[in-house]
Amino acid sequence: MDIKKIVGENLKFARKAKGLTQKELASELNKYQSDYSEYETGKIELDYEKIVFLCKRLDITPNELFGVDD
């Protein structure tokens, strides 16, 4: 499976688990909701700063975000 799709699915799952909308997270990232949506669909890759921010914000580890098993 494509890593962008895995990250997107894990991001969506973590966001919903926190009870947040795409619009809320997009606002925190100074992005439009439509841009944020493309992270969750795997159309746009996250940069390092966004990965760190989203992991902290959603209380997940980078391994969880990338679907890496220990």
PDB file of N, CA and C in Angstrom:
ATOM      1  N   MET A   1       0.844  -1.195   0.000  1.00  0.00           N
ATOM      2  CA  MET A   1       0.000   0.000   0.000  1.00  0.00           C
ATOM      3  C   MET A   1       0.885   1.253   0.000  1.00  0.00           C
ATOM      4  N   ASP A   2       0.394   2.272  -0.595  1.00  0.00           N
ATOM      5  CA  ASP A   2       1.093   3.553  -0.693  1.00  0.00           C
ATOM      6  C   ASP A   2       1.204   4.205   0.690  1.00  0.00           C
ATOM      7  N   ILE A   3       2.396   4.611   1.077  1.00  0.00           N
ATOM      8  CA  ILE A   3       2.615   5.203   2.403  1.00  0.00           C
ATOM      9  C   ILE A   3       1.770   6.453   2.609  1.00  0.00           C
ATOM     10  N   LYS A   4       1.539   7.241   1.557  1.00  0.00           N
ATOM     11  CA  LYS A   4       0.709   8.444   1.704  1.00  0.00           C
ATOM     12  C   LYS A   4      -0.715   8.069   2.087  1.00  0.00           C
ATOM     13  N   LYS A   5      -1.198   6.951   1.557  1.00  0.00           N
ATOM     14  CA  LYS A   5      -2.555   6.487   1.895  1.00  0.00           C
ATOM     15  C   LYS A   5      -2.607   6.001   3.344  1.00  0.00           C
ATOM     16  N   ILE A   6      -1.573   5.279   3.764  1.00  0.00           N
ATOM     17  CA  ILE A   6      -1.514   4.780   5.143  1.00  0.00           C
ATOM     18  C   ILE A   6      -1.502   5.952   6.113  1.00  0.00           C
ATOM     19  N   VAL A   7      -0.635   6.927   5.849  1.00  0.00           N
ATOM     20  CA  VAL A   7      -0.550   8.113   6.705  1.00  0.00           C
ATOM     21  C   VAL A   7      -1.892   8.827   6.730  1.00  0.00           C
ATOM     22  N   GLY A   8      -2.503   8.995   5.570  1.00  0.00           N
ATOM     23  CA  GLY A   8      -3.791   9.671   5.491  1.00  0.00           C
ATOM     24  C   GLY A   8      -4.862   8.978   6.307  1.00  0.00           C
ATOM     25  N   GLU A   9      -4.936   7.654   6.189  1.00  0.00           N
ATOM     26  CA  GLU A   9      -5.933   6.890   6.936  1.00  0.00           C
ATOM     27  C   GLU A   9      -5.683   6.990   8.440  1.00  0.00           C
ATOM     28  N   ASN A  10      -4.422   6.886   8.842  1.00  0.00           N
ATOM     29  CA  ASN A  10      -4.086   6.984  10.264  1.00  0.00           C
ATOM     30  C   ASN A  10      -4.349   8.383  10.802  1.00  0.00           C
ATOM     31  N   LEU A  11      -4.092   9.385   9.999  1.00  0.00           N
ATOM     32  CA  LEU A  11      -4.354  10.769  10.379  1.00  0.00           C
ATOM     33  C   LEU A  11      -5.853  10.982  10.584  1.00  0.00           C
ATOM     34  N   LYS A  12      -6.632  10.482   9.667  1.00  0.00           N
ATOM     35  CA  LYS A  12      -8.093  10.609   9.761  1.00  0.00           C
ATOM     36  C   LYS A  12      -8.614   9.904  11.012  1.00  0.00           C
ATOM     37  N   PHE A  13      -8.134   8.688  11.264  1.00  0.00           N
ATOM     38  CA  PHE A  13      -8.553   7.930  12.433  1.00  0.00           C
ATOM     39  C   PHE A  13      -8.218   8.681  13.724  1.00  0.00           C
ATOM     40  N   ALA A  14      -6.984   9.189  13.815  1.00  0.00           N
ATOM     41  CA  ALA A  14      -6.547   9.905  15.014  1.00  0.00           C
ATOM     42  C   ALA A  14      -7.337  11.199  15.208  1.00  0.00           C
ATOM     43  N   ARG A  15      -7.603  11.901  14.122  1.00  0.00           N
ATOM     44  CA  ARG A  15      -8.381  13.148  14.213  1.00  0.00           C
ATOM     45  C   ARG A  15      -9.785  12.870  14.724  1.00  0.00           C
ATOM     46  N   LYS A  16     -10.417  11.850  14.177  1.00  0.00           N
ATOM     47  CA  LYS A  16     -11.784  11.516  14.604  1.00  0.00           C
ATOM     48  C   LYS A  16     -11.807  11.038  16.051  1.00  0.00           C
ATOM     49  N   ALA A  17     -10.768  10.313  16.461  1.00  0.00           N
ATOM     50  CA  ALA A  17     -10.682   9.836  17.846  1.00  0.00           C
ATOM     51  C   ALA A  17     -10.613  11.004  18.825  1.00  0.00           C
ATOM     52  N   LYS A  18     -10.039  12.110  18.379  1.00  0.00           N
ATOM     53  CA  LYS A  18      -9.948  13.323  19.213  1.00  0.00           C
ATOM     54  C   LYS A  18     -11.196  14.192  19.097  1.00  0.00           C
ATOM     55  N   GLY A  19     -12.120  13.812  18.218  1.00  0.00           N
ATOM     56  CA  GLY A  19     -13.345  14.581  18.047  1.00  0.00           C
ATOM     57  C   GLY A  19     -13.137  15.910  17.334  1.00  0.00           C
ATOM     58  N   LEU A  20     -12.128  15.960  16.467  1.00  0.00           N
ATOM     59  CA  LEU A  20     -11.817  17.190  15.741  1.00  0.00           C
ATOM     60  C   LEU A  20     -12.298  17.100  14.298  1.00  0.00           C
ATOM     61  N   THR A  21     -12.629  18.235  13.727  1.00  0.00           N
ATOM     62  CA  THR A  21     -12.995  18.290  12.317  1.00  0.00           C
ATOM     63  C   THR A  21     -11.756  18.629  11.493  1.00  0.00           C
ATOM     64  N   GLN A  22     -11.850  18.359  10.201  1.00  0.00           N
ATOM     65  CA  GLN A  22     -10.771  18.760   9.305  1.00  0.00           C
ATOM     66  C   GLN A  22     -10.590  20.269   9.351  1.00  0.00           C
ATOM     67  N   LYS A  23     -11.689  20.981   9.418  1.00  0.00           N
ATOM     68  CA  LYS A  23     -11.628  22.450   9.429  1.00  0.00           C
ATOM     69  C   LYS A  23     -10.869  22.956  10.656  1.00  0.00           C
ATOM     70  N   GLU A  24     -11.106  22.337  11.820  1.00  0.00           N
ATOM     71  CA  GLU A  24     -10.413  22.766  13.043  1.00  0.00           C
ATOM     72  C   GLU A  24      -8.904  22.561  12.923  1.00  0.00           C
ATOM     73  N   LEU A  25      -8.498  21.375  12.472  1.00  0.00           N
ATOM     74  CA  LEU A  25      -7.057  21.115  12.331  1.00  0.00           C
ATOM     75  C   LEU A  25      -6.445  21.977  11.241  1.00  0.00           C
ATOM     76  N   ALA A  26      -7.167  22.165  10.163  1.00  0.00           N
ATOM     77  CA  ALA A  26      -6.667  23.025   9.082  1.00  0.00           C
ATOM     78  C   ALA A  26      -6.401  24.422   9.605  1.00  0.00           C
ATOM     79  N   SER A  27      -7.310  24.934  10.411  1.00  0.00           N
ATOM     80  CA  SER A  27      -7.146  26.273  10.977  1.00  0.00           C
ATOM     81  C   SER A  27      -5.894  26.348  11.843  1.00  0.00           C
ATOM     82  N   GLU A  28      -5.652  25.317  12.638  1.00  0.00           N
ATOM     83  CA  GLU A  28      -4.460  25.299  13.498  1.00  0.00           C
ATOM     84  C   GLU A  28      -3.178  25.253  12.667  1.00  0.00           C
ATOM     85  N   LEU A  29      -3.270  24.705  11.470  1.00  0.00           N
ATOM     86  CA  LEU A  29      -2.111  24.623  10.571  1.00  0.00           C
ATOM     87  C   LEU A  29      -2.039  25.808   9.612  1.00  0.00           C
ATOM     88  N   ASN A  30      -2.955  26.754   9.774  1.00  0.00           N
ATOM     89  CA  ASN A  30      -3.056  27.899   8.856  1.00  0.00           C
ATOM     90  C   ASN A  30      -3.256  27.446   7.414  1.00  0.00           C
ATOM     91  N   LYS A  31      -4.124  26.460   7.250  1.00  0.00           N
ATOM     92  CA  LYS A  31      -4.455  25.910   5.936  1.00  0.00           C
ATOM     93  C   LYS A  31      -5.961  25.977   5.744  1.00  0.00           C
ATOM     94  N   TYR A  32      -6.387  25.817   4.500  1.00  0.00           N
ATOM     95  CA  TYR A  32      -7.806  25.657   4.198  1.00  0.00           C
ATOM     96  C   TYR A  32      -8.197  24.208   4.456  1.00  0.00           C
ATOM     97  N   GLN A  33      -9.474  23.992   4.751  1.00  0.00           N
ATOM     98  CA  GLN A  33      -9.960  22.634   4.981  1.00  0.00           C
ATOM     99  C   GLN A  33      -9.692  21.753   3.769  1.00  0.00           C
ATOM    100  N   SER A  34      -9.858  22.292   2.579  1.00  0.00           N
ATOM    101  CA  SER A  34      -9.642  21.504   1.361  1.00  0.00           C
ATOM    102  C   SER A  34      -8.185  21.042   1.241  1.00  0.00           C
ATOM    103  N   ASP A  35      -7.249  21.878   1.695  1.00  0.00           N
ATOM    104  CA  ASP A  35      -5.833  21.483   1.690  1.00  0.00           C
ATOM    105  C   ASP A  35      -5.594  20.362   2.695  1.00  0.00           C
ATOM    106  N   TYR A  36      -6.172  20.533   3.896  1.00  0.00           N
ATOM    107  CA  TYR A  36      -5.995  19.508   4.931  1.00  0.00           C
ATOM    108  C   TYR A  36      -6.569  18.174   4.463  1.00  0.00           C
ATOM    109  N   SER A  37      -7.703  18.220   3.797  1.00  0.00           N
ATOM    110  CA  SER A  37      -8.348  17.008   3.287  1.00  0.00           C
ATOM    111  C   SER A  37      -7.395  16.214   2.403  1.00  0.00           C
ATOM    112  N   GLU A  38      -6.562  16.910   1.664  1.00  0.00           N
ATOM    113  CA  GLU A  38      -5.620  16.233   0.781  1.00  0.00           C
ATOM    114  C   GLU A  38      -4.511  15.502   1.530  1.00  0.00           C
ATOM    115  N   TYR A  39      -4.257  15.865   2.781  1.00  0.00           N
ATOM    116  CA  TYR A  39      -3.344  15.079   3.616  1.00  0.00           C
ATOM    117  C   TYR A  39      -3.993  13.737   3.927  1.00  0.00           C
ATOM    118  N   GLU A  40      -5.274  13.774   4.276  1.00  0.00           N
ATOM    119  CA  GLU A  40      -5.971  12.553   4.665  1.00  0.00           C
ATOM    120  C   GLU A  40      -6.256  11.629   3.482  1.00  0.00           C
ATOM    121  N   THR A  41      -6.317  12.177   2.285  1.00  0.00           N
ATOM    122  CA  THR A  41      -6.545  11.332   1.107  1.00  0.00           C
ATOM    123  C   THR A  41      -5.236  10.891   0.461  1.00  0.00           C
ATOM    124  N   GLY A  42      -4.125  11.394   0.966  1.00  0.00           N
ATOM    125  CA  GLY A  42      -2.817  11.005   0.447  1.00  0.00           C
ATOM    126  C   GLY A  42      -2.412  11.730  -0.814  1.00  0.00           C
ATOM    127  N   LYS A  43      -3.105  12.804  -1.153  1.00  0.00           N
ATOM    128  CA  LYS A  43      -2.755  13.559  -2.357  1.00  0.00           C
ATOM    129  C   LYS A  43      -1.567  14.483  -2.118  1.00  0.00           C
ATOM    130  N   ILE A  44      -1.401  14.940  -0.872  1.00  0.00           N
ATOM    131  CA  ILE A  44      -0.290  15.818  -0.507  1.00  0.00           C
ATOM    132  C   ILE A  44       0.470  15.183   0.654  1.00  0.00           C
ATOM    133  N   GLU A  45       1.796  15.159   0.550  1.00  0.00           N
ATOM    134  CA  GLU A  45       2.631  14.635   1.633  1.00  0.00           C
ATOM    135  C   GLU A  45       2.823  15.695   2.711  1.00  0.00           C
ATOM    136  N   LEU A  46       2.914  15.229   3.941  1.00  0.00           N
ATOM    137  CA  LEU A  46       3.181  16.109   5.075  1.00  0.00           C
ATOM    138  C   LEU A  46       4.670  16.426   5.139  1.00  0.00           C
ATOM    139  N   ASP A  47       5.000  17.661   5.522  1.00  0.00           N
ATOM    140  CA  ASP A  47       6.405  17.974   5.765  1.00  0.00           C
ATOM    141  C   ASP A  47       6.722  17.669   7.230  1.00  0.00           C
ATOM    142  N   TYR A  48       7.975  17.749   7.584  1.00  0.00           N
ATOM    143  CA  TYR A  48       8.408  17.373   8.931  1.00  0.00           C
ATOM    144  C   TYR A  48       7.706  18.171  10.022  1.00  0.00           C
ATOM    145  N   GLU A  49       7.587  19.470   9.831  1.00  0.00           N
ATOM    146  CA  GLU A  49       6.957  20.313  10.850  1.00  0.00           C
ATOM    147  C   GLU A  49       5.505  19.907  11.080  1.00  0.00           C
ATOM    148  N   LYS A  50       4.788  19.591  10.019  1.00  0.00           N
ATOM    149  CA  LYS A  50       3.389  19.183  10.160  1.00  0.00           C
ATOM    150  C   LYS A  50       3.285  17.821  10.830  1.00  0.00           C
ATOM    151  N   ILE A  51       4.206  16.921  10.505  1.00  0.00           N
ATOM    152  CA  ILE A  51       4.207  15.606  11.147  1.00  0.00           C
ATOM    153  C   ILE A  51       4.361  15.757  12.653  1.00  0.00           C
ATOM    154  N   VAL A  52       5.334  16.549  13.079  1.00  0.00           N
ATOM    155  CA  VAL A  52       5.576  16.755  14.506  1.00  0.00           C
ATOM    156  C   VAL A  52       4.364  17.414  15.160  1.00  0.00           C
ATOM    157  N   PHE A  53       3.846  18.463  14.544  1.00  0.00           N
ATOM    158  CA  PHE A  53       2.684  19.162  15.092  1.00  0.00           C
ATOM    159  C   PHE A  53       1.490  18.211  15.233  1.00  0.00           C
ATOM    160  N   LEU A  54       1.174  17.480  14.175  1.00  0.00           N
ATOM    161  CA  LEU A  54      -0.007  16.617  14.194  1.00  0.00           C
ATOM    162  C   LEU A  54       0.148  15.460  15.179  1.00  0.00           C
ATOM    163  N   CYS A  55       1.350  14.900  15.288  1.00  0.00           N
ATOM    164  CA  CYS A  55       1.567  13.834  16.264  1.00  0.00           C
ATOM    165  C   CYS A  55       1.341  14.352  17.680  1.00  0.00           C
ATOM    166  N   LYS A  56       1.871  15.516  17.988  1.00  0.00           N
ATOM    167  CA  LYS A  56       1.663  16.101  19.317  1.00  0.00           C
ATOM    168  C   LYS A  56       0.201  16.447  19.534  1.00  0.00           C
ATOM    169  N   ARG A  57      -0.422  17.079  18.551  1.00  0.00           N
ATOM    170  CA  ARG A  57      -1.809  17.530  18.666  1.00  0.00           C
ATOM    171  C   ARG A  57      -2.788  16.373  18.814  1.00  0.00           C
ATOM    172  N   LEU A  58      -2.500  15.266  18.127  1.00  0.00           N
ATOM    173  CA  LEU A  58      -3.406  14.121  18.135  1.00  0.00           C
ATOM    174  C   LEU A  58      -2.980  13.018  19.105  1.00  0.00           C
ATOM    175  N   ASP A  59      -1.912  13.287  19.860  1.00  0.00           N
ATOM    176  CA  ASP A  59      -1.403  12.326  20.855  1.00  0.00           C
ATOM    177  C   ASP A  59      -1.088  10.964  20.236  1.00  0.00           C
ATOM    178  N   ILE A  60      -0.374  10.997  19.117  1.00  0.00           N
ATOM    179  CA  ILE A  60       0.073   9.759  18.487  1.00  0.00           C
ATOM    180  C   ILE A  60       1.578   9.863  18.242  1.00  0.00           C
ATOM    181  N   THR A  61       2.195   8.719  18.051  1.00  0.00           N
ATOM    182  CA  THR A  61       3.625   8.707  17.744  1.00  0.00           C
ATOM    183  C   THR A  61       3.809   8.715  16.229  1.00  0.00           C
ATOM    184  N   PRO A  62       4.983   9.114  15.764  1.00  0.00           N
ATOM    185  CA  PRO A  62       5.246   9.005  14.329  1.00  0.00           C
ATOM    186  C   PRO A  62       5.075   7.566  13.827  1.00  0.00           C
ATOM    187  N   ASN A  63       5.456   6.580  14.638  1.00  0.00           N
ATOM    188  CA  ASN A  63       5.270   5.184  14.238  1.00  0.00           C
ATOM    189  C   ASN A  63       3.796   4.876  14.018  1.00  0.00           C
ATOM    190  N   GLU A  64       2.936   5.393  14.889  1.00  0.00           N
ATOM    191  CA  GLU A  64       1.494   5.183  14.707  1.00  0.00           C
ATOM    192  C   GLU A  64       1.009   5.881  13.444  1.00  0.00           C
ATOM    193  N   LEU A  65       1.490   7.083  13.212  1.00  0.00           N
ATOM    194  CA  LEU A  65       1.096   7.820  12.030  1.00  0.00           C
ATOM    195  C   LEU A  65       1.486   7.076  10.753  1.00  0.00           C
ATOM    196  N   PHE A  66       2.690   6.529  10.730  1.00  0.00           N
ATOM    197  CA  PHE A  66       3.199   5.851   9.541  1.00  0.00           C
ATOM    198  C   PHE A  66       2.841   4.367   9.487  1.00  0.00           C
ATOM    199  N   GLY A  67       2.149   3.881  10.519  1.00  0.00           N
ATOM    200  CA  GLY A  67       1.735   2.481  10.528  1.00  0.00           C
ATOM    201  C   GLY A  67       2.879   1.514  10.699  1.00  0.00           C
ATOM    202  N   VAL A  68       3.898   1.922  11.463  1.00  0.00           N
ATOM    203  CA  VAL A  68       5.070   1.086  11.703  1.00  0.00           C
ATOM    204  C   VAL A  68       4.856   0.326  13.004  1.00  0.00           C
ATOM    205  N   ASP A  69       4.955  -0.994  12.919  1.00  0.00           N
ATOM    206  CA  ASP A  69       4.823  -1.837  14.117  1.00  0.00           C
ATOM    207  C   ASP A  69       6.182  -1.989  14.779  1.00  0.00           C
ATOM    208  N   ASP A  70       6.151  -1.983  16.107  1.00  0.00           N
ATOM    209  CA  ASP A  70       7.421  -2.184  16.852  1.00  0.00           C
ATOM    210  C   ASP A  70       7.791  -3.631  16.886  1.00  0.00           C
TER     211      ASP A  70
END
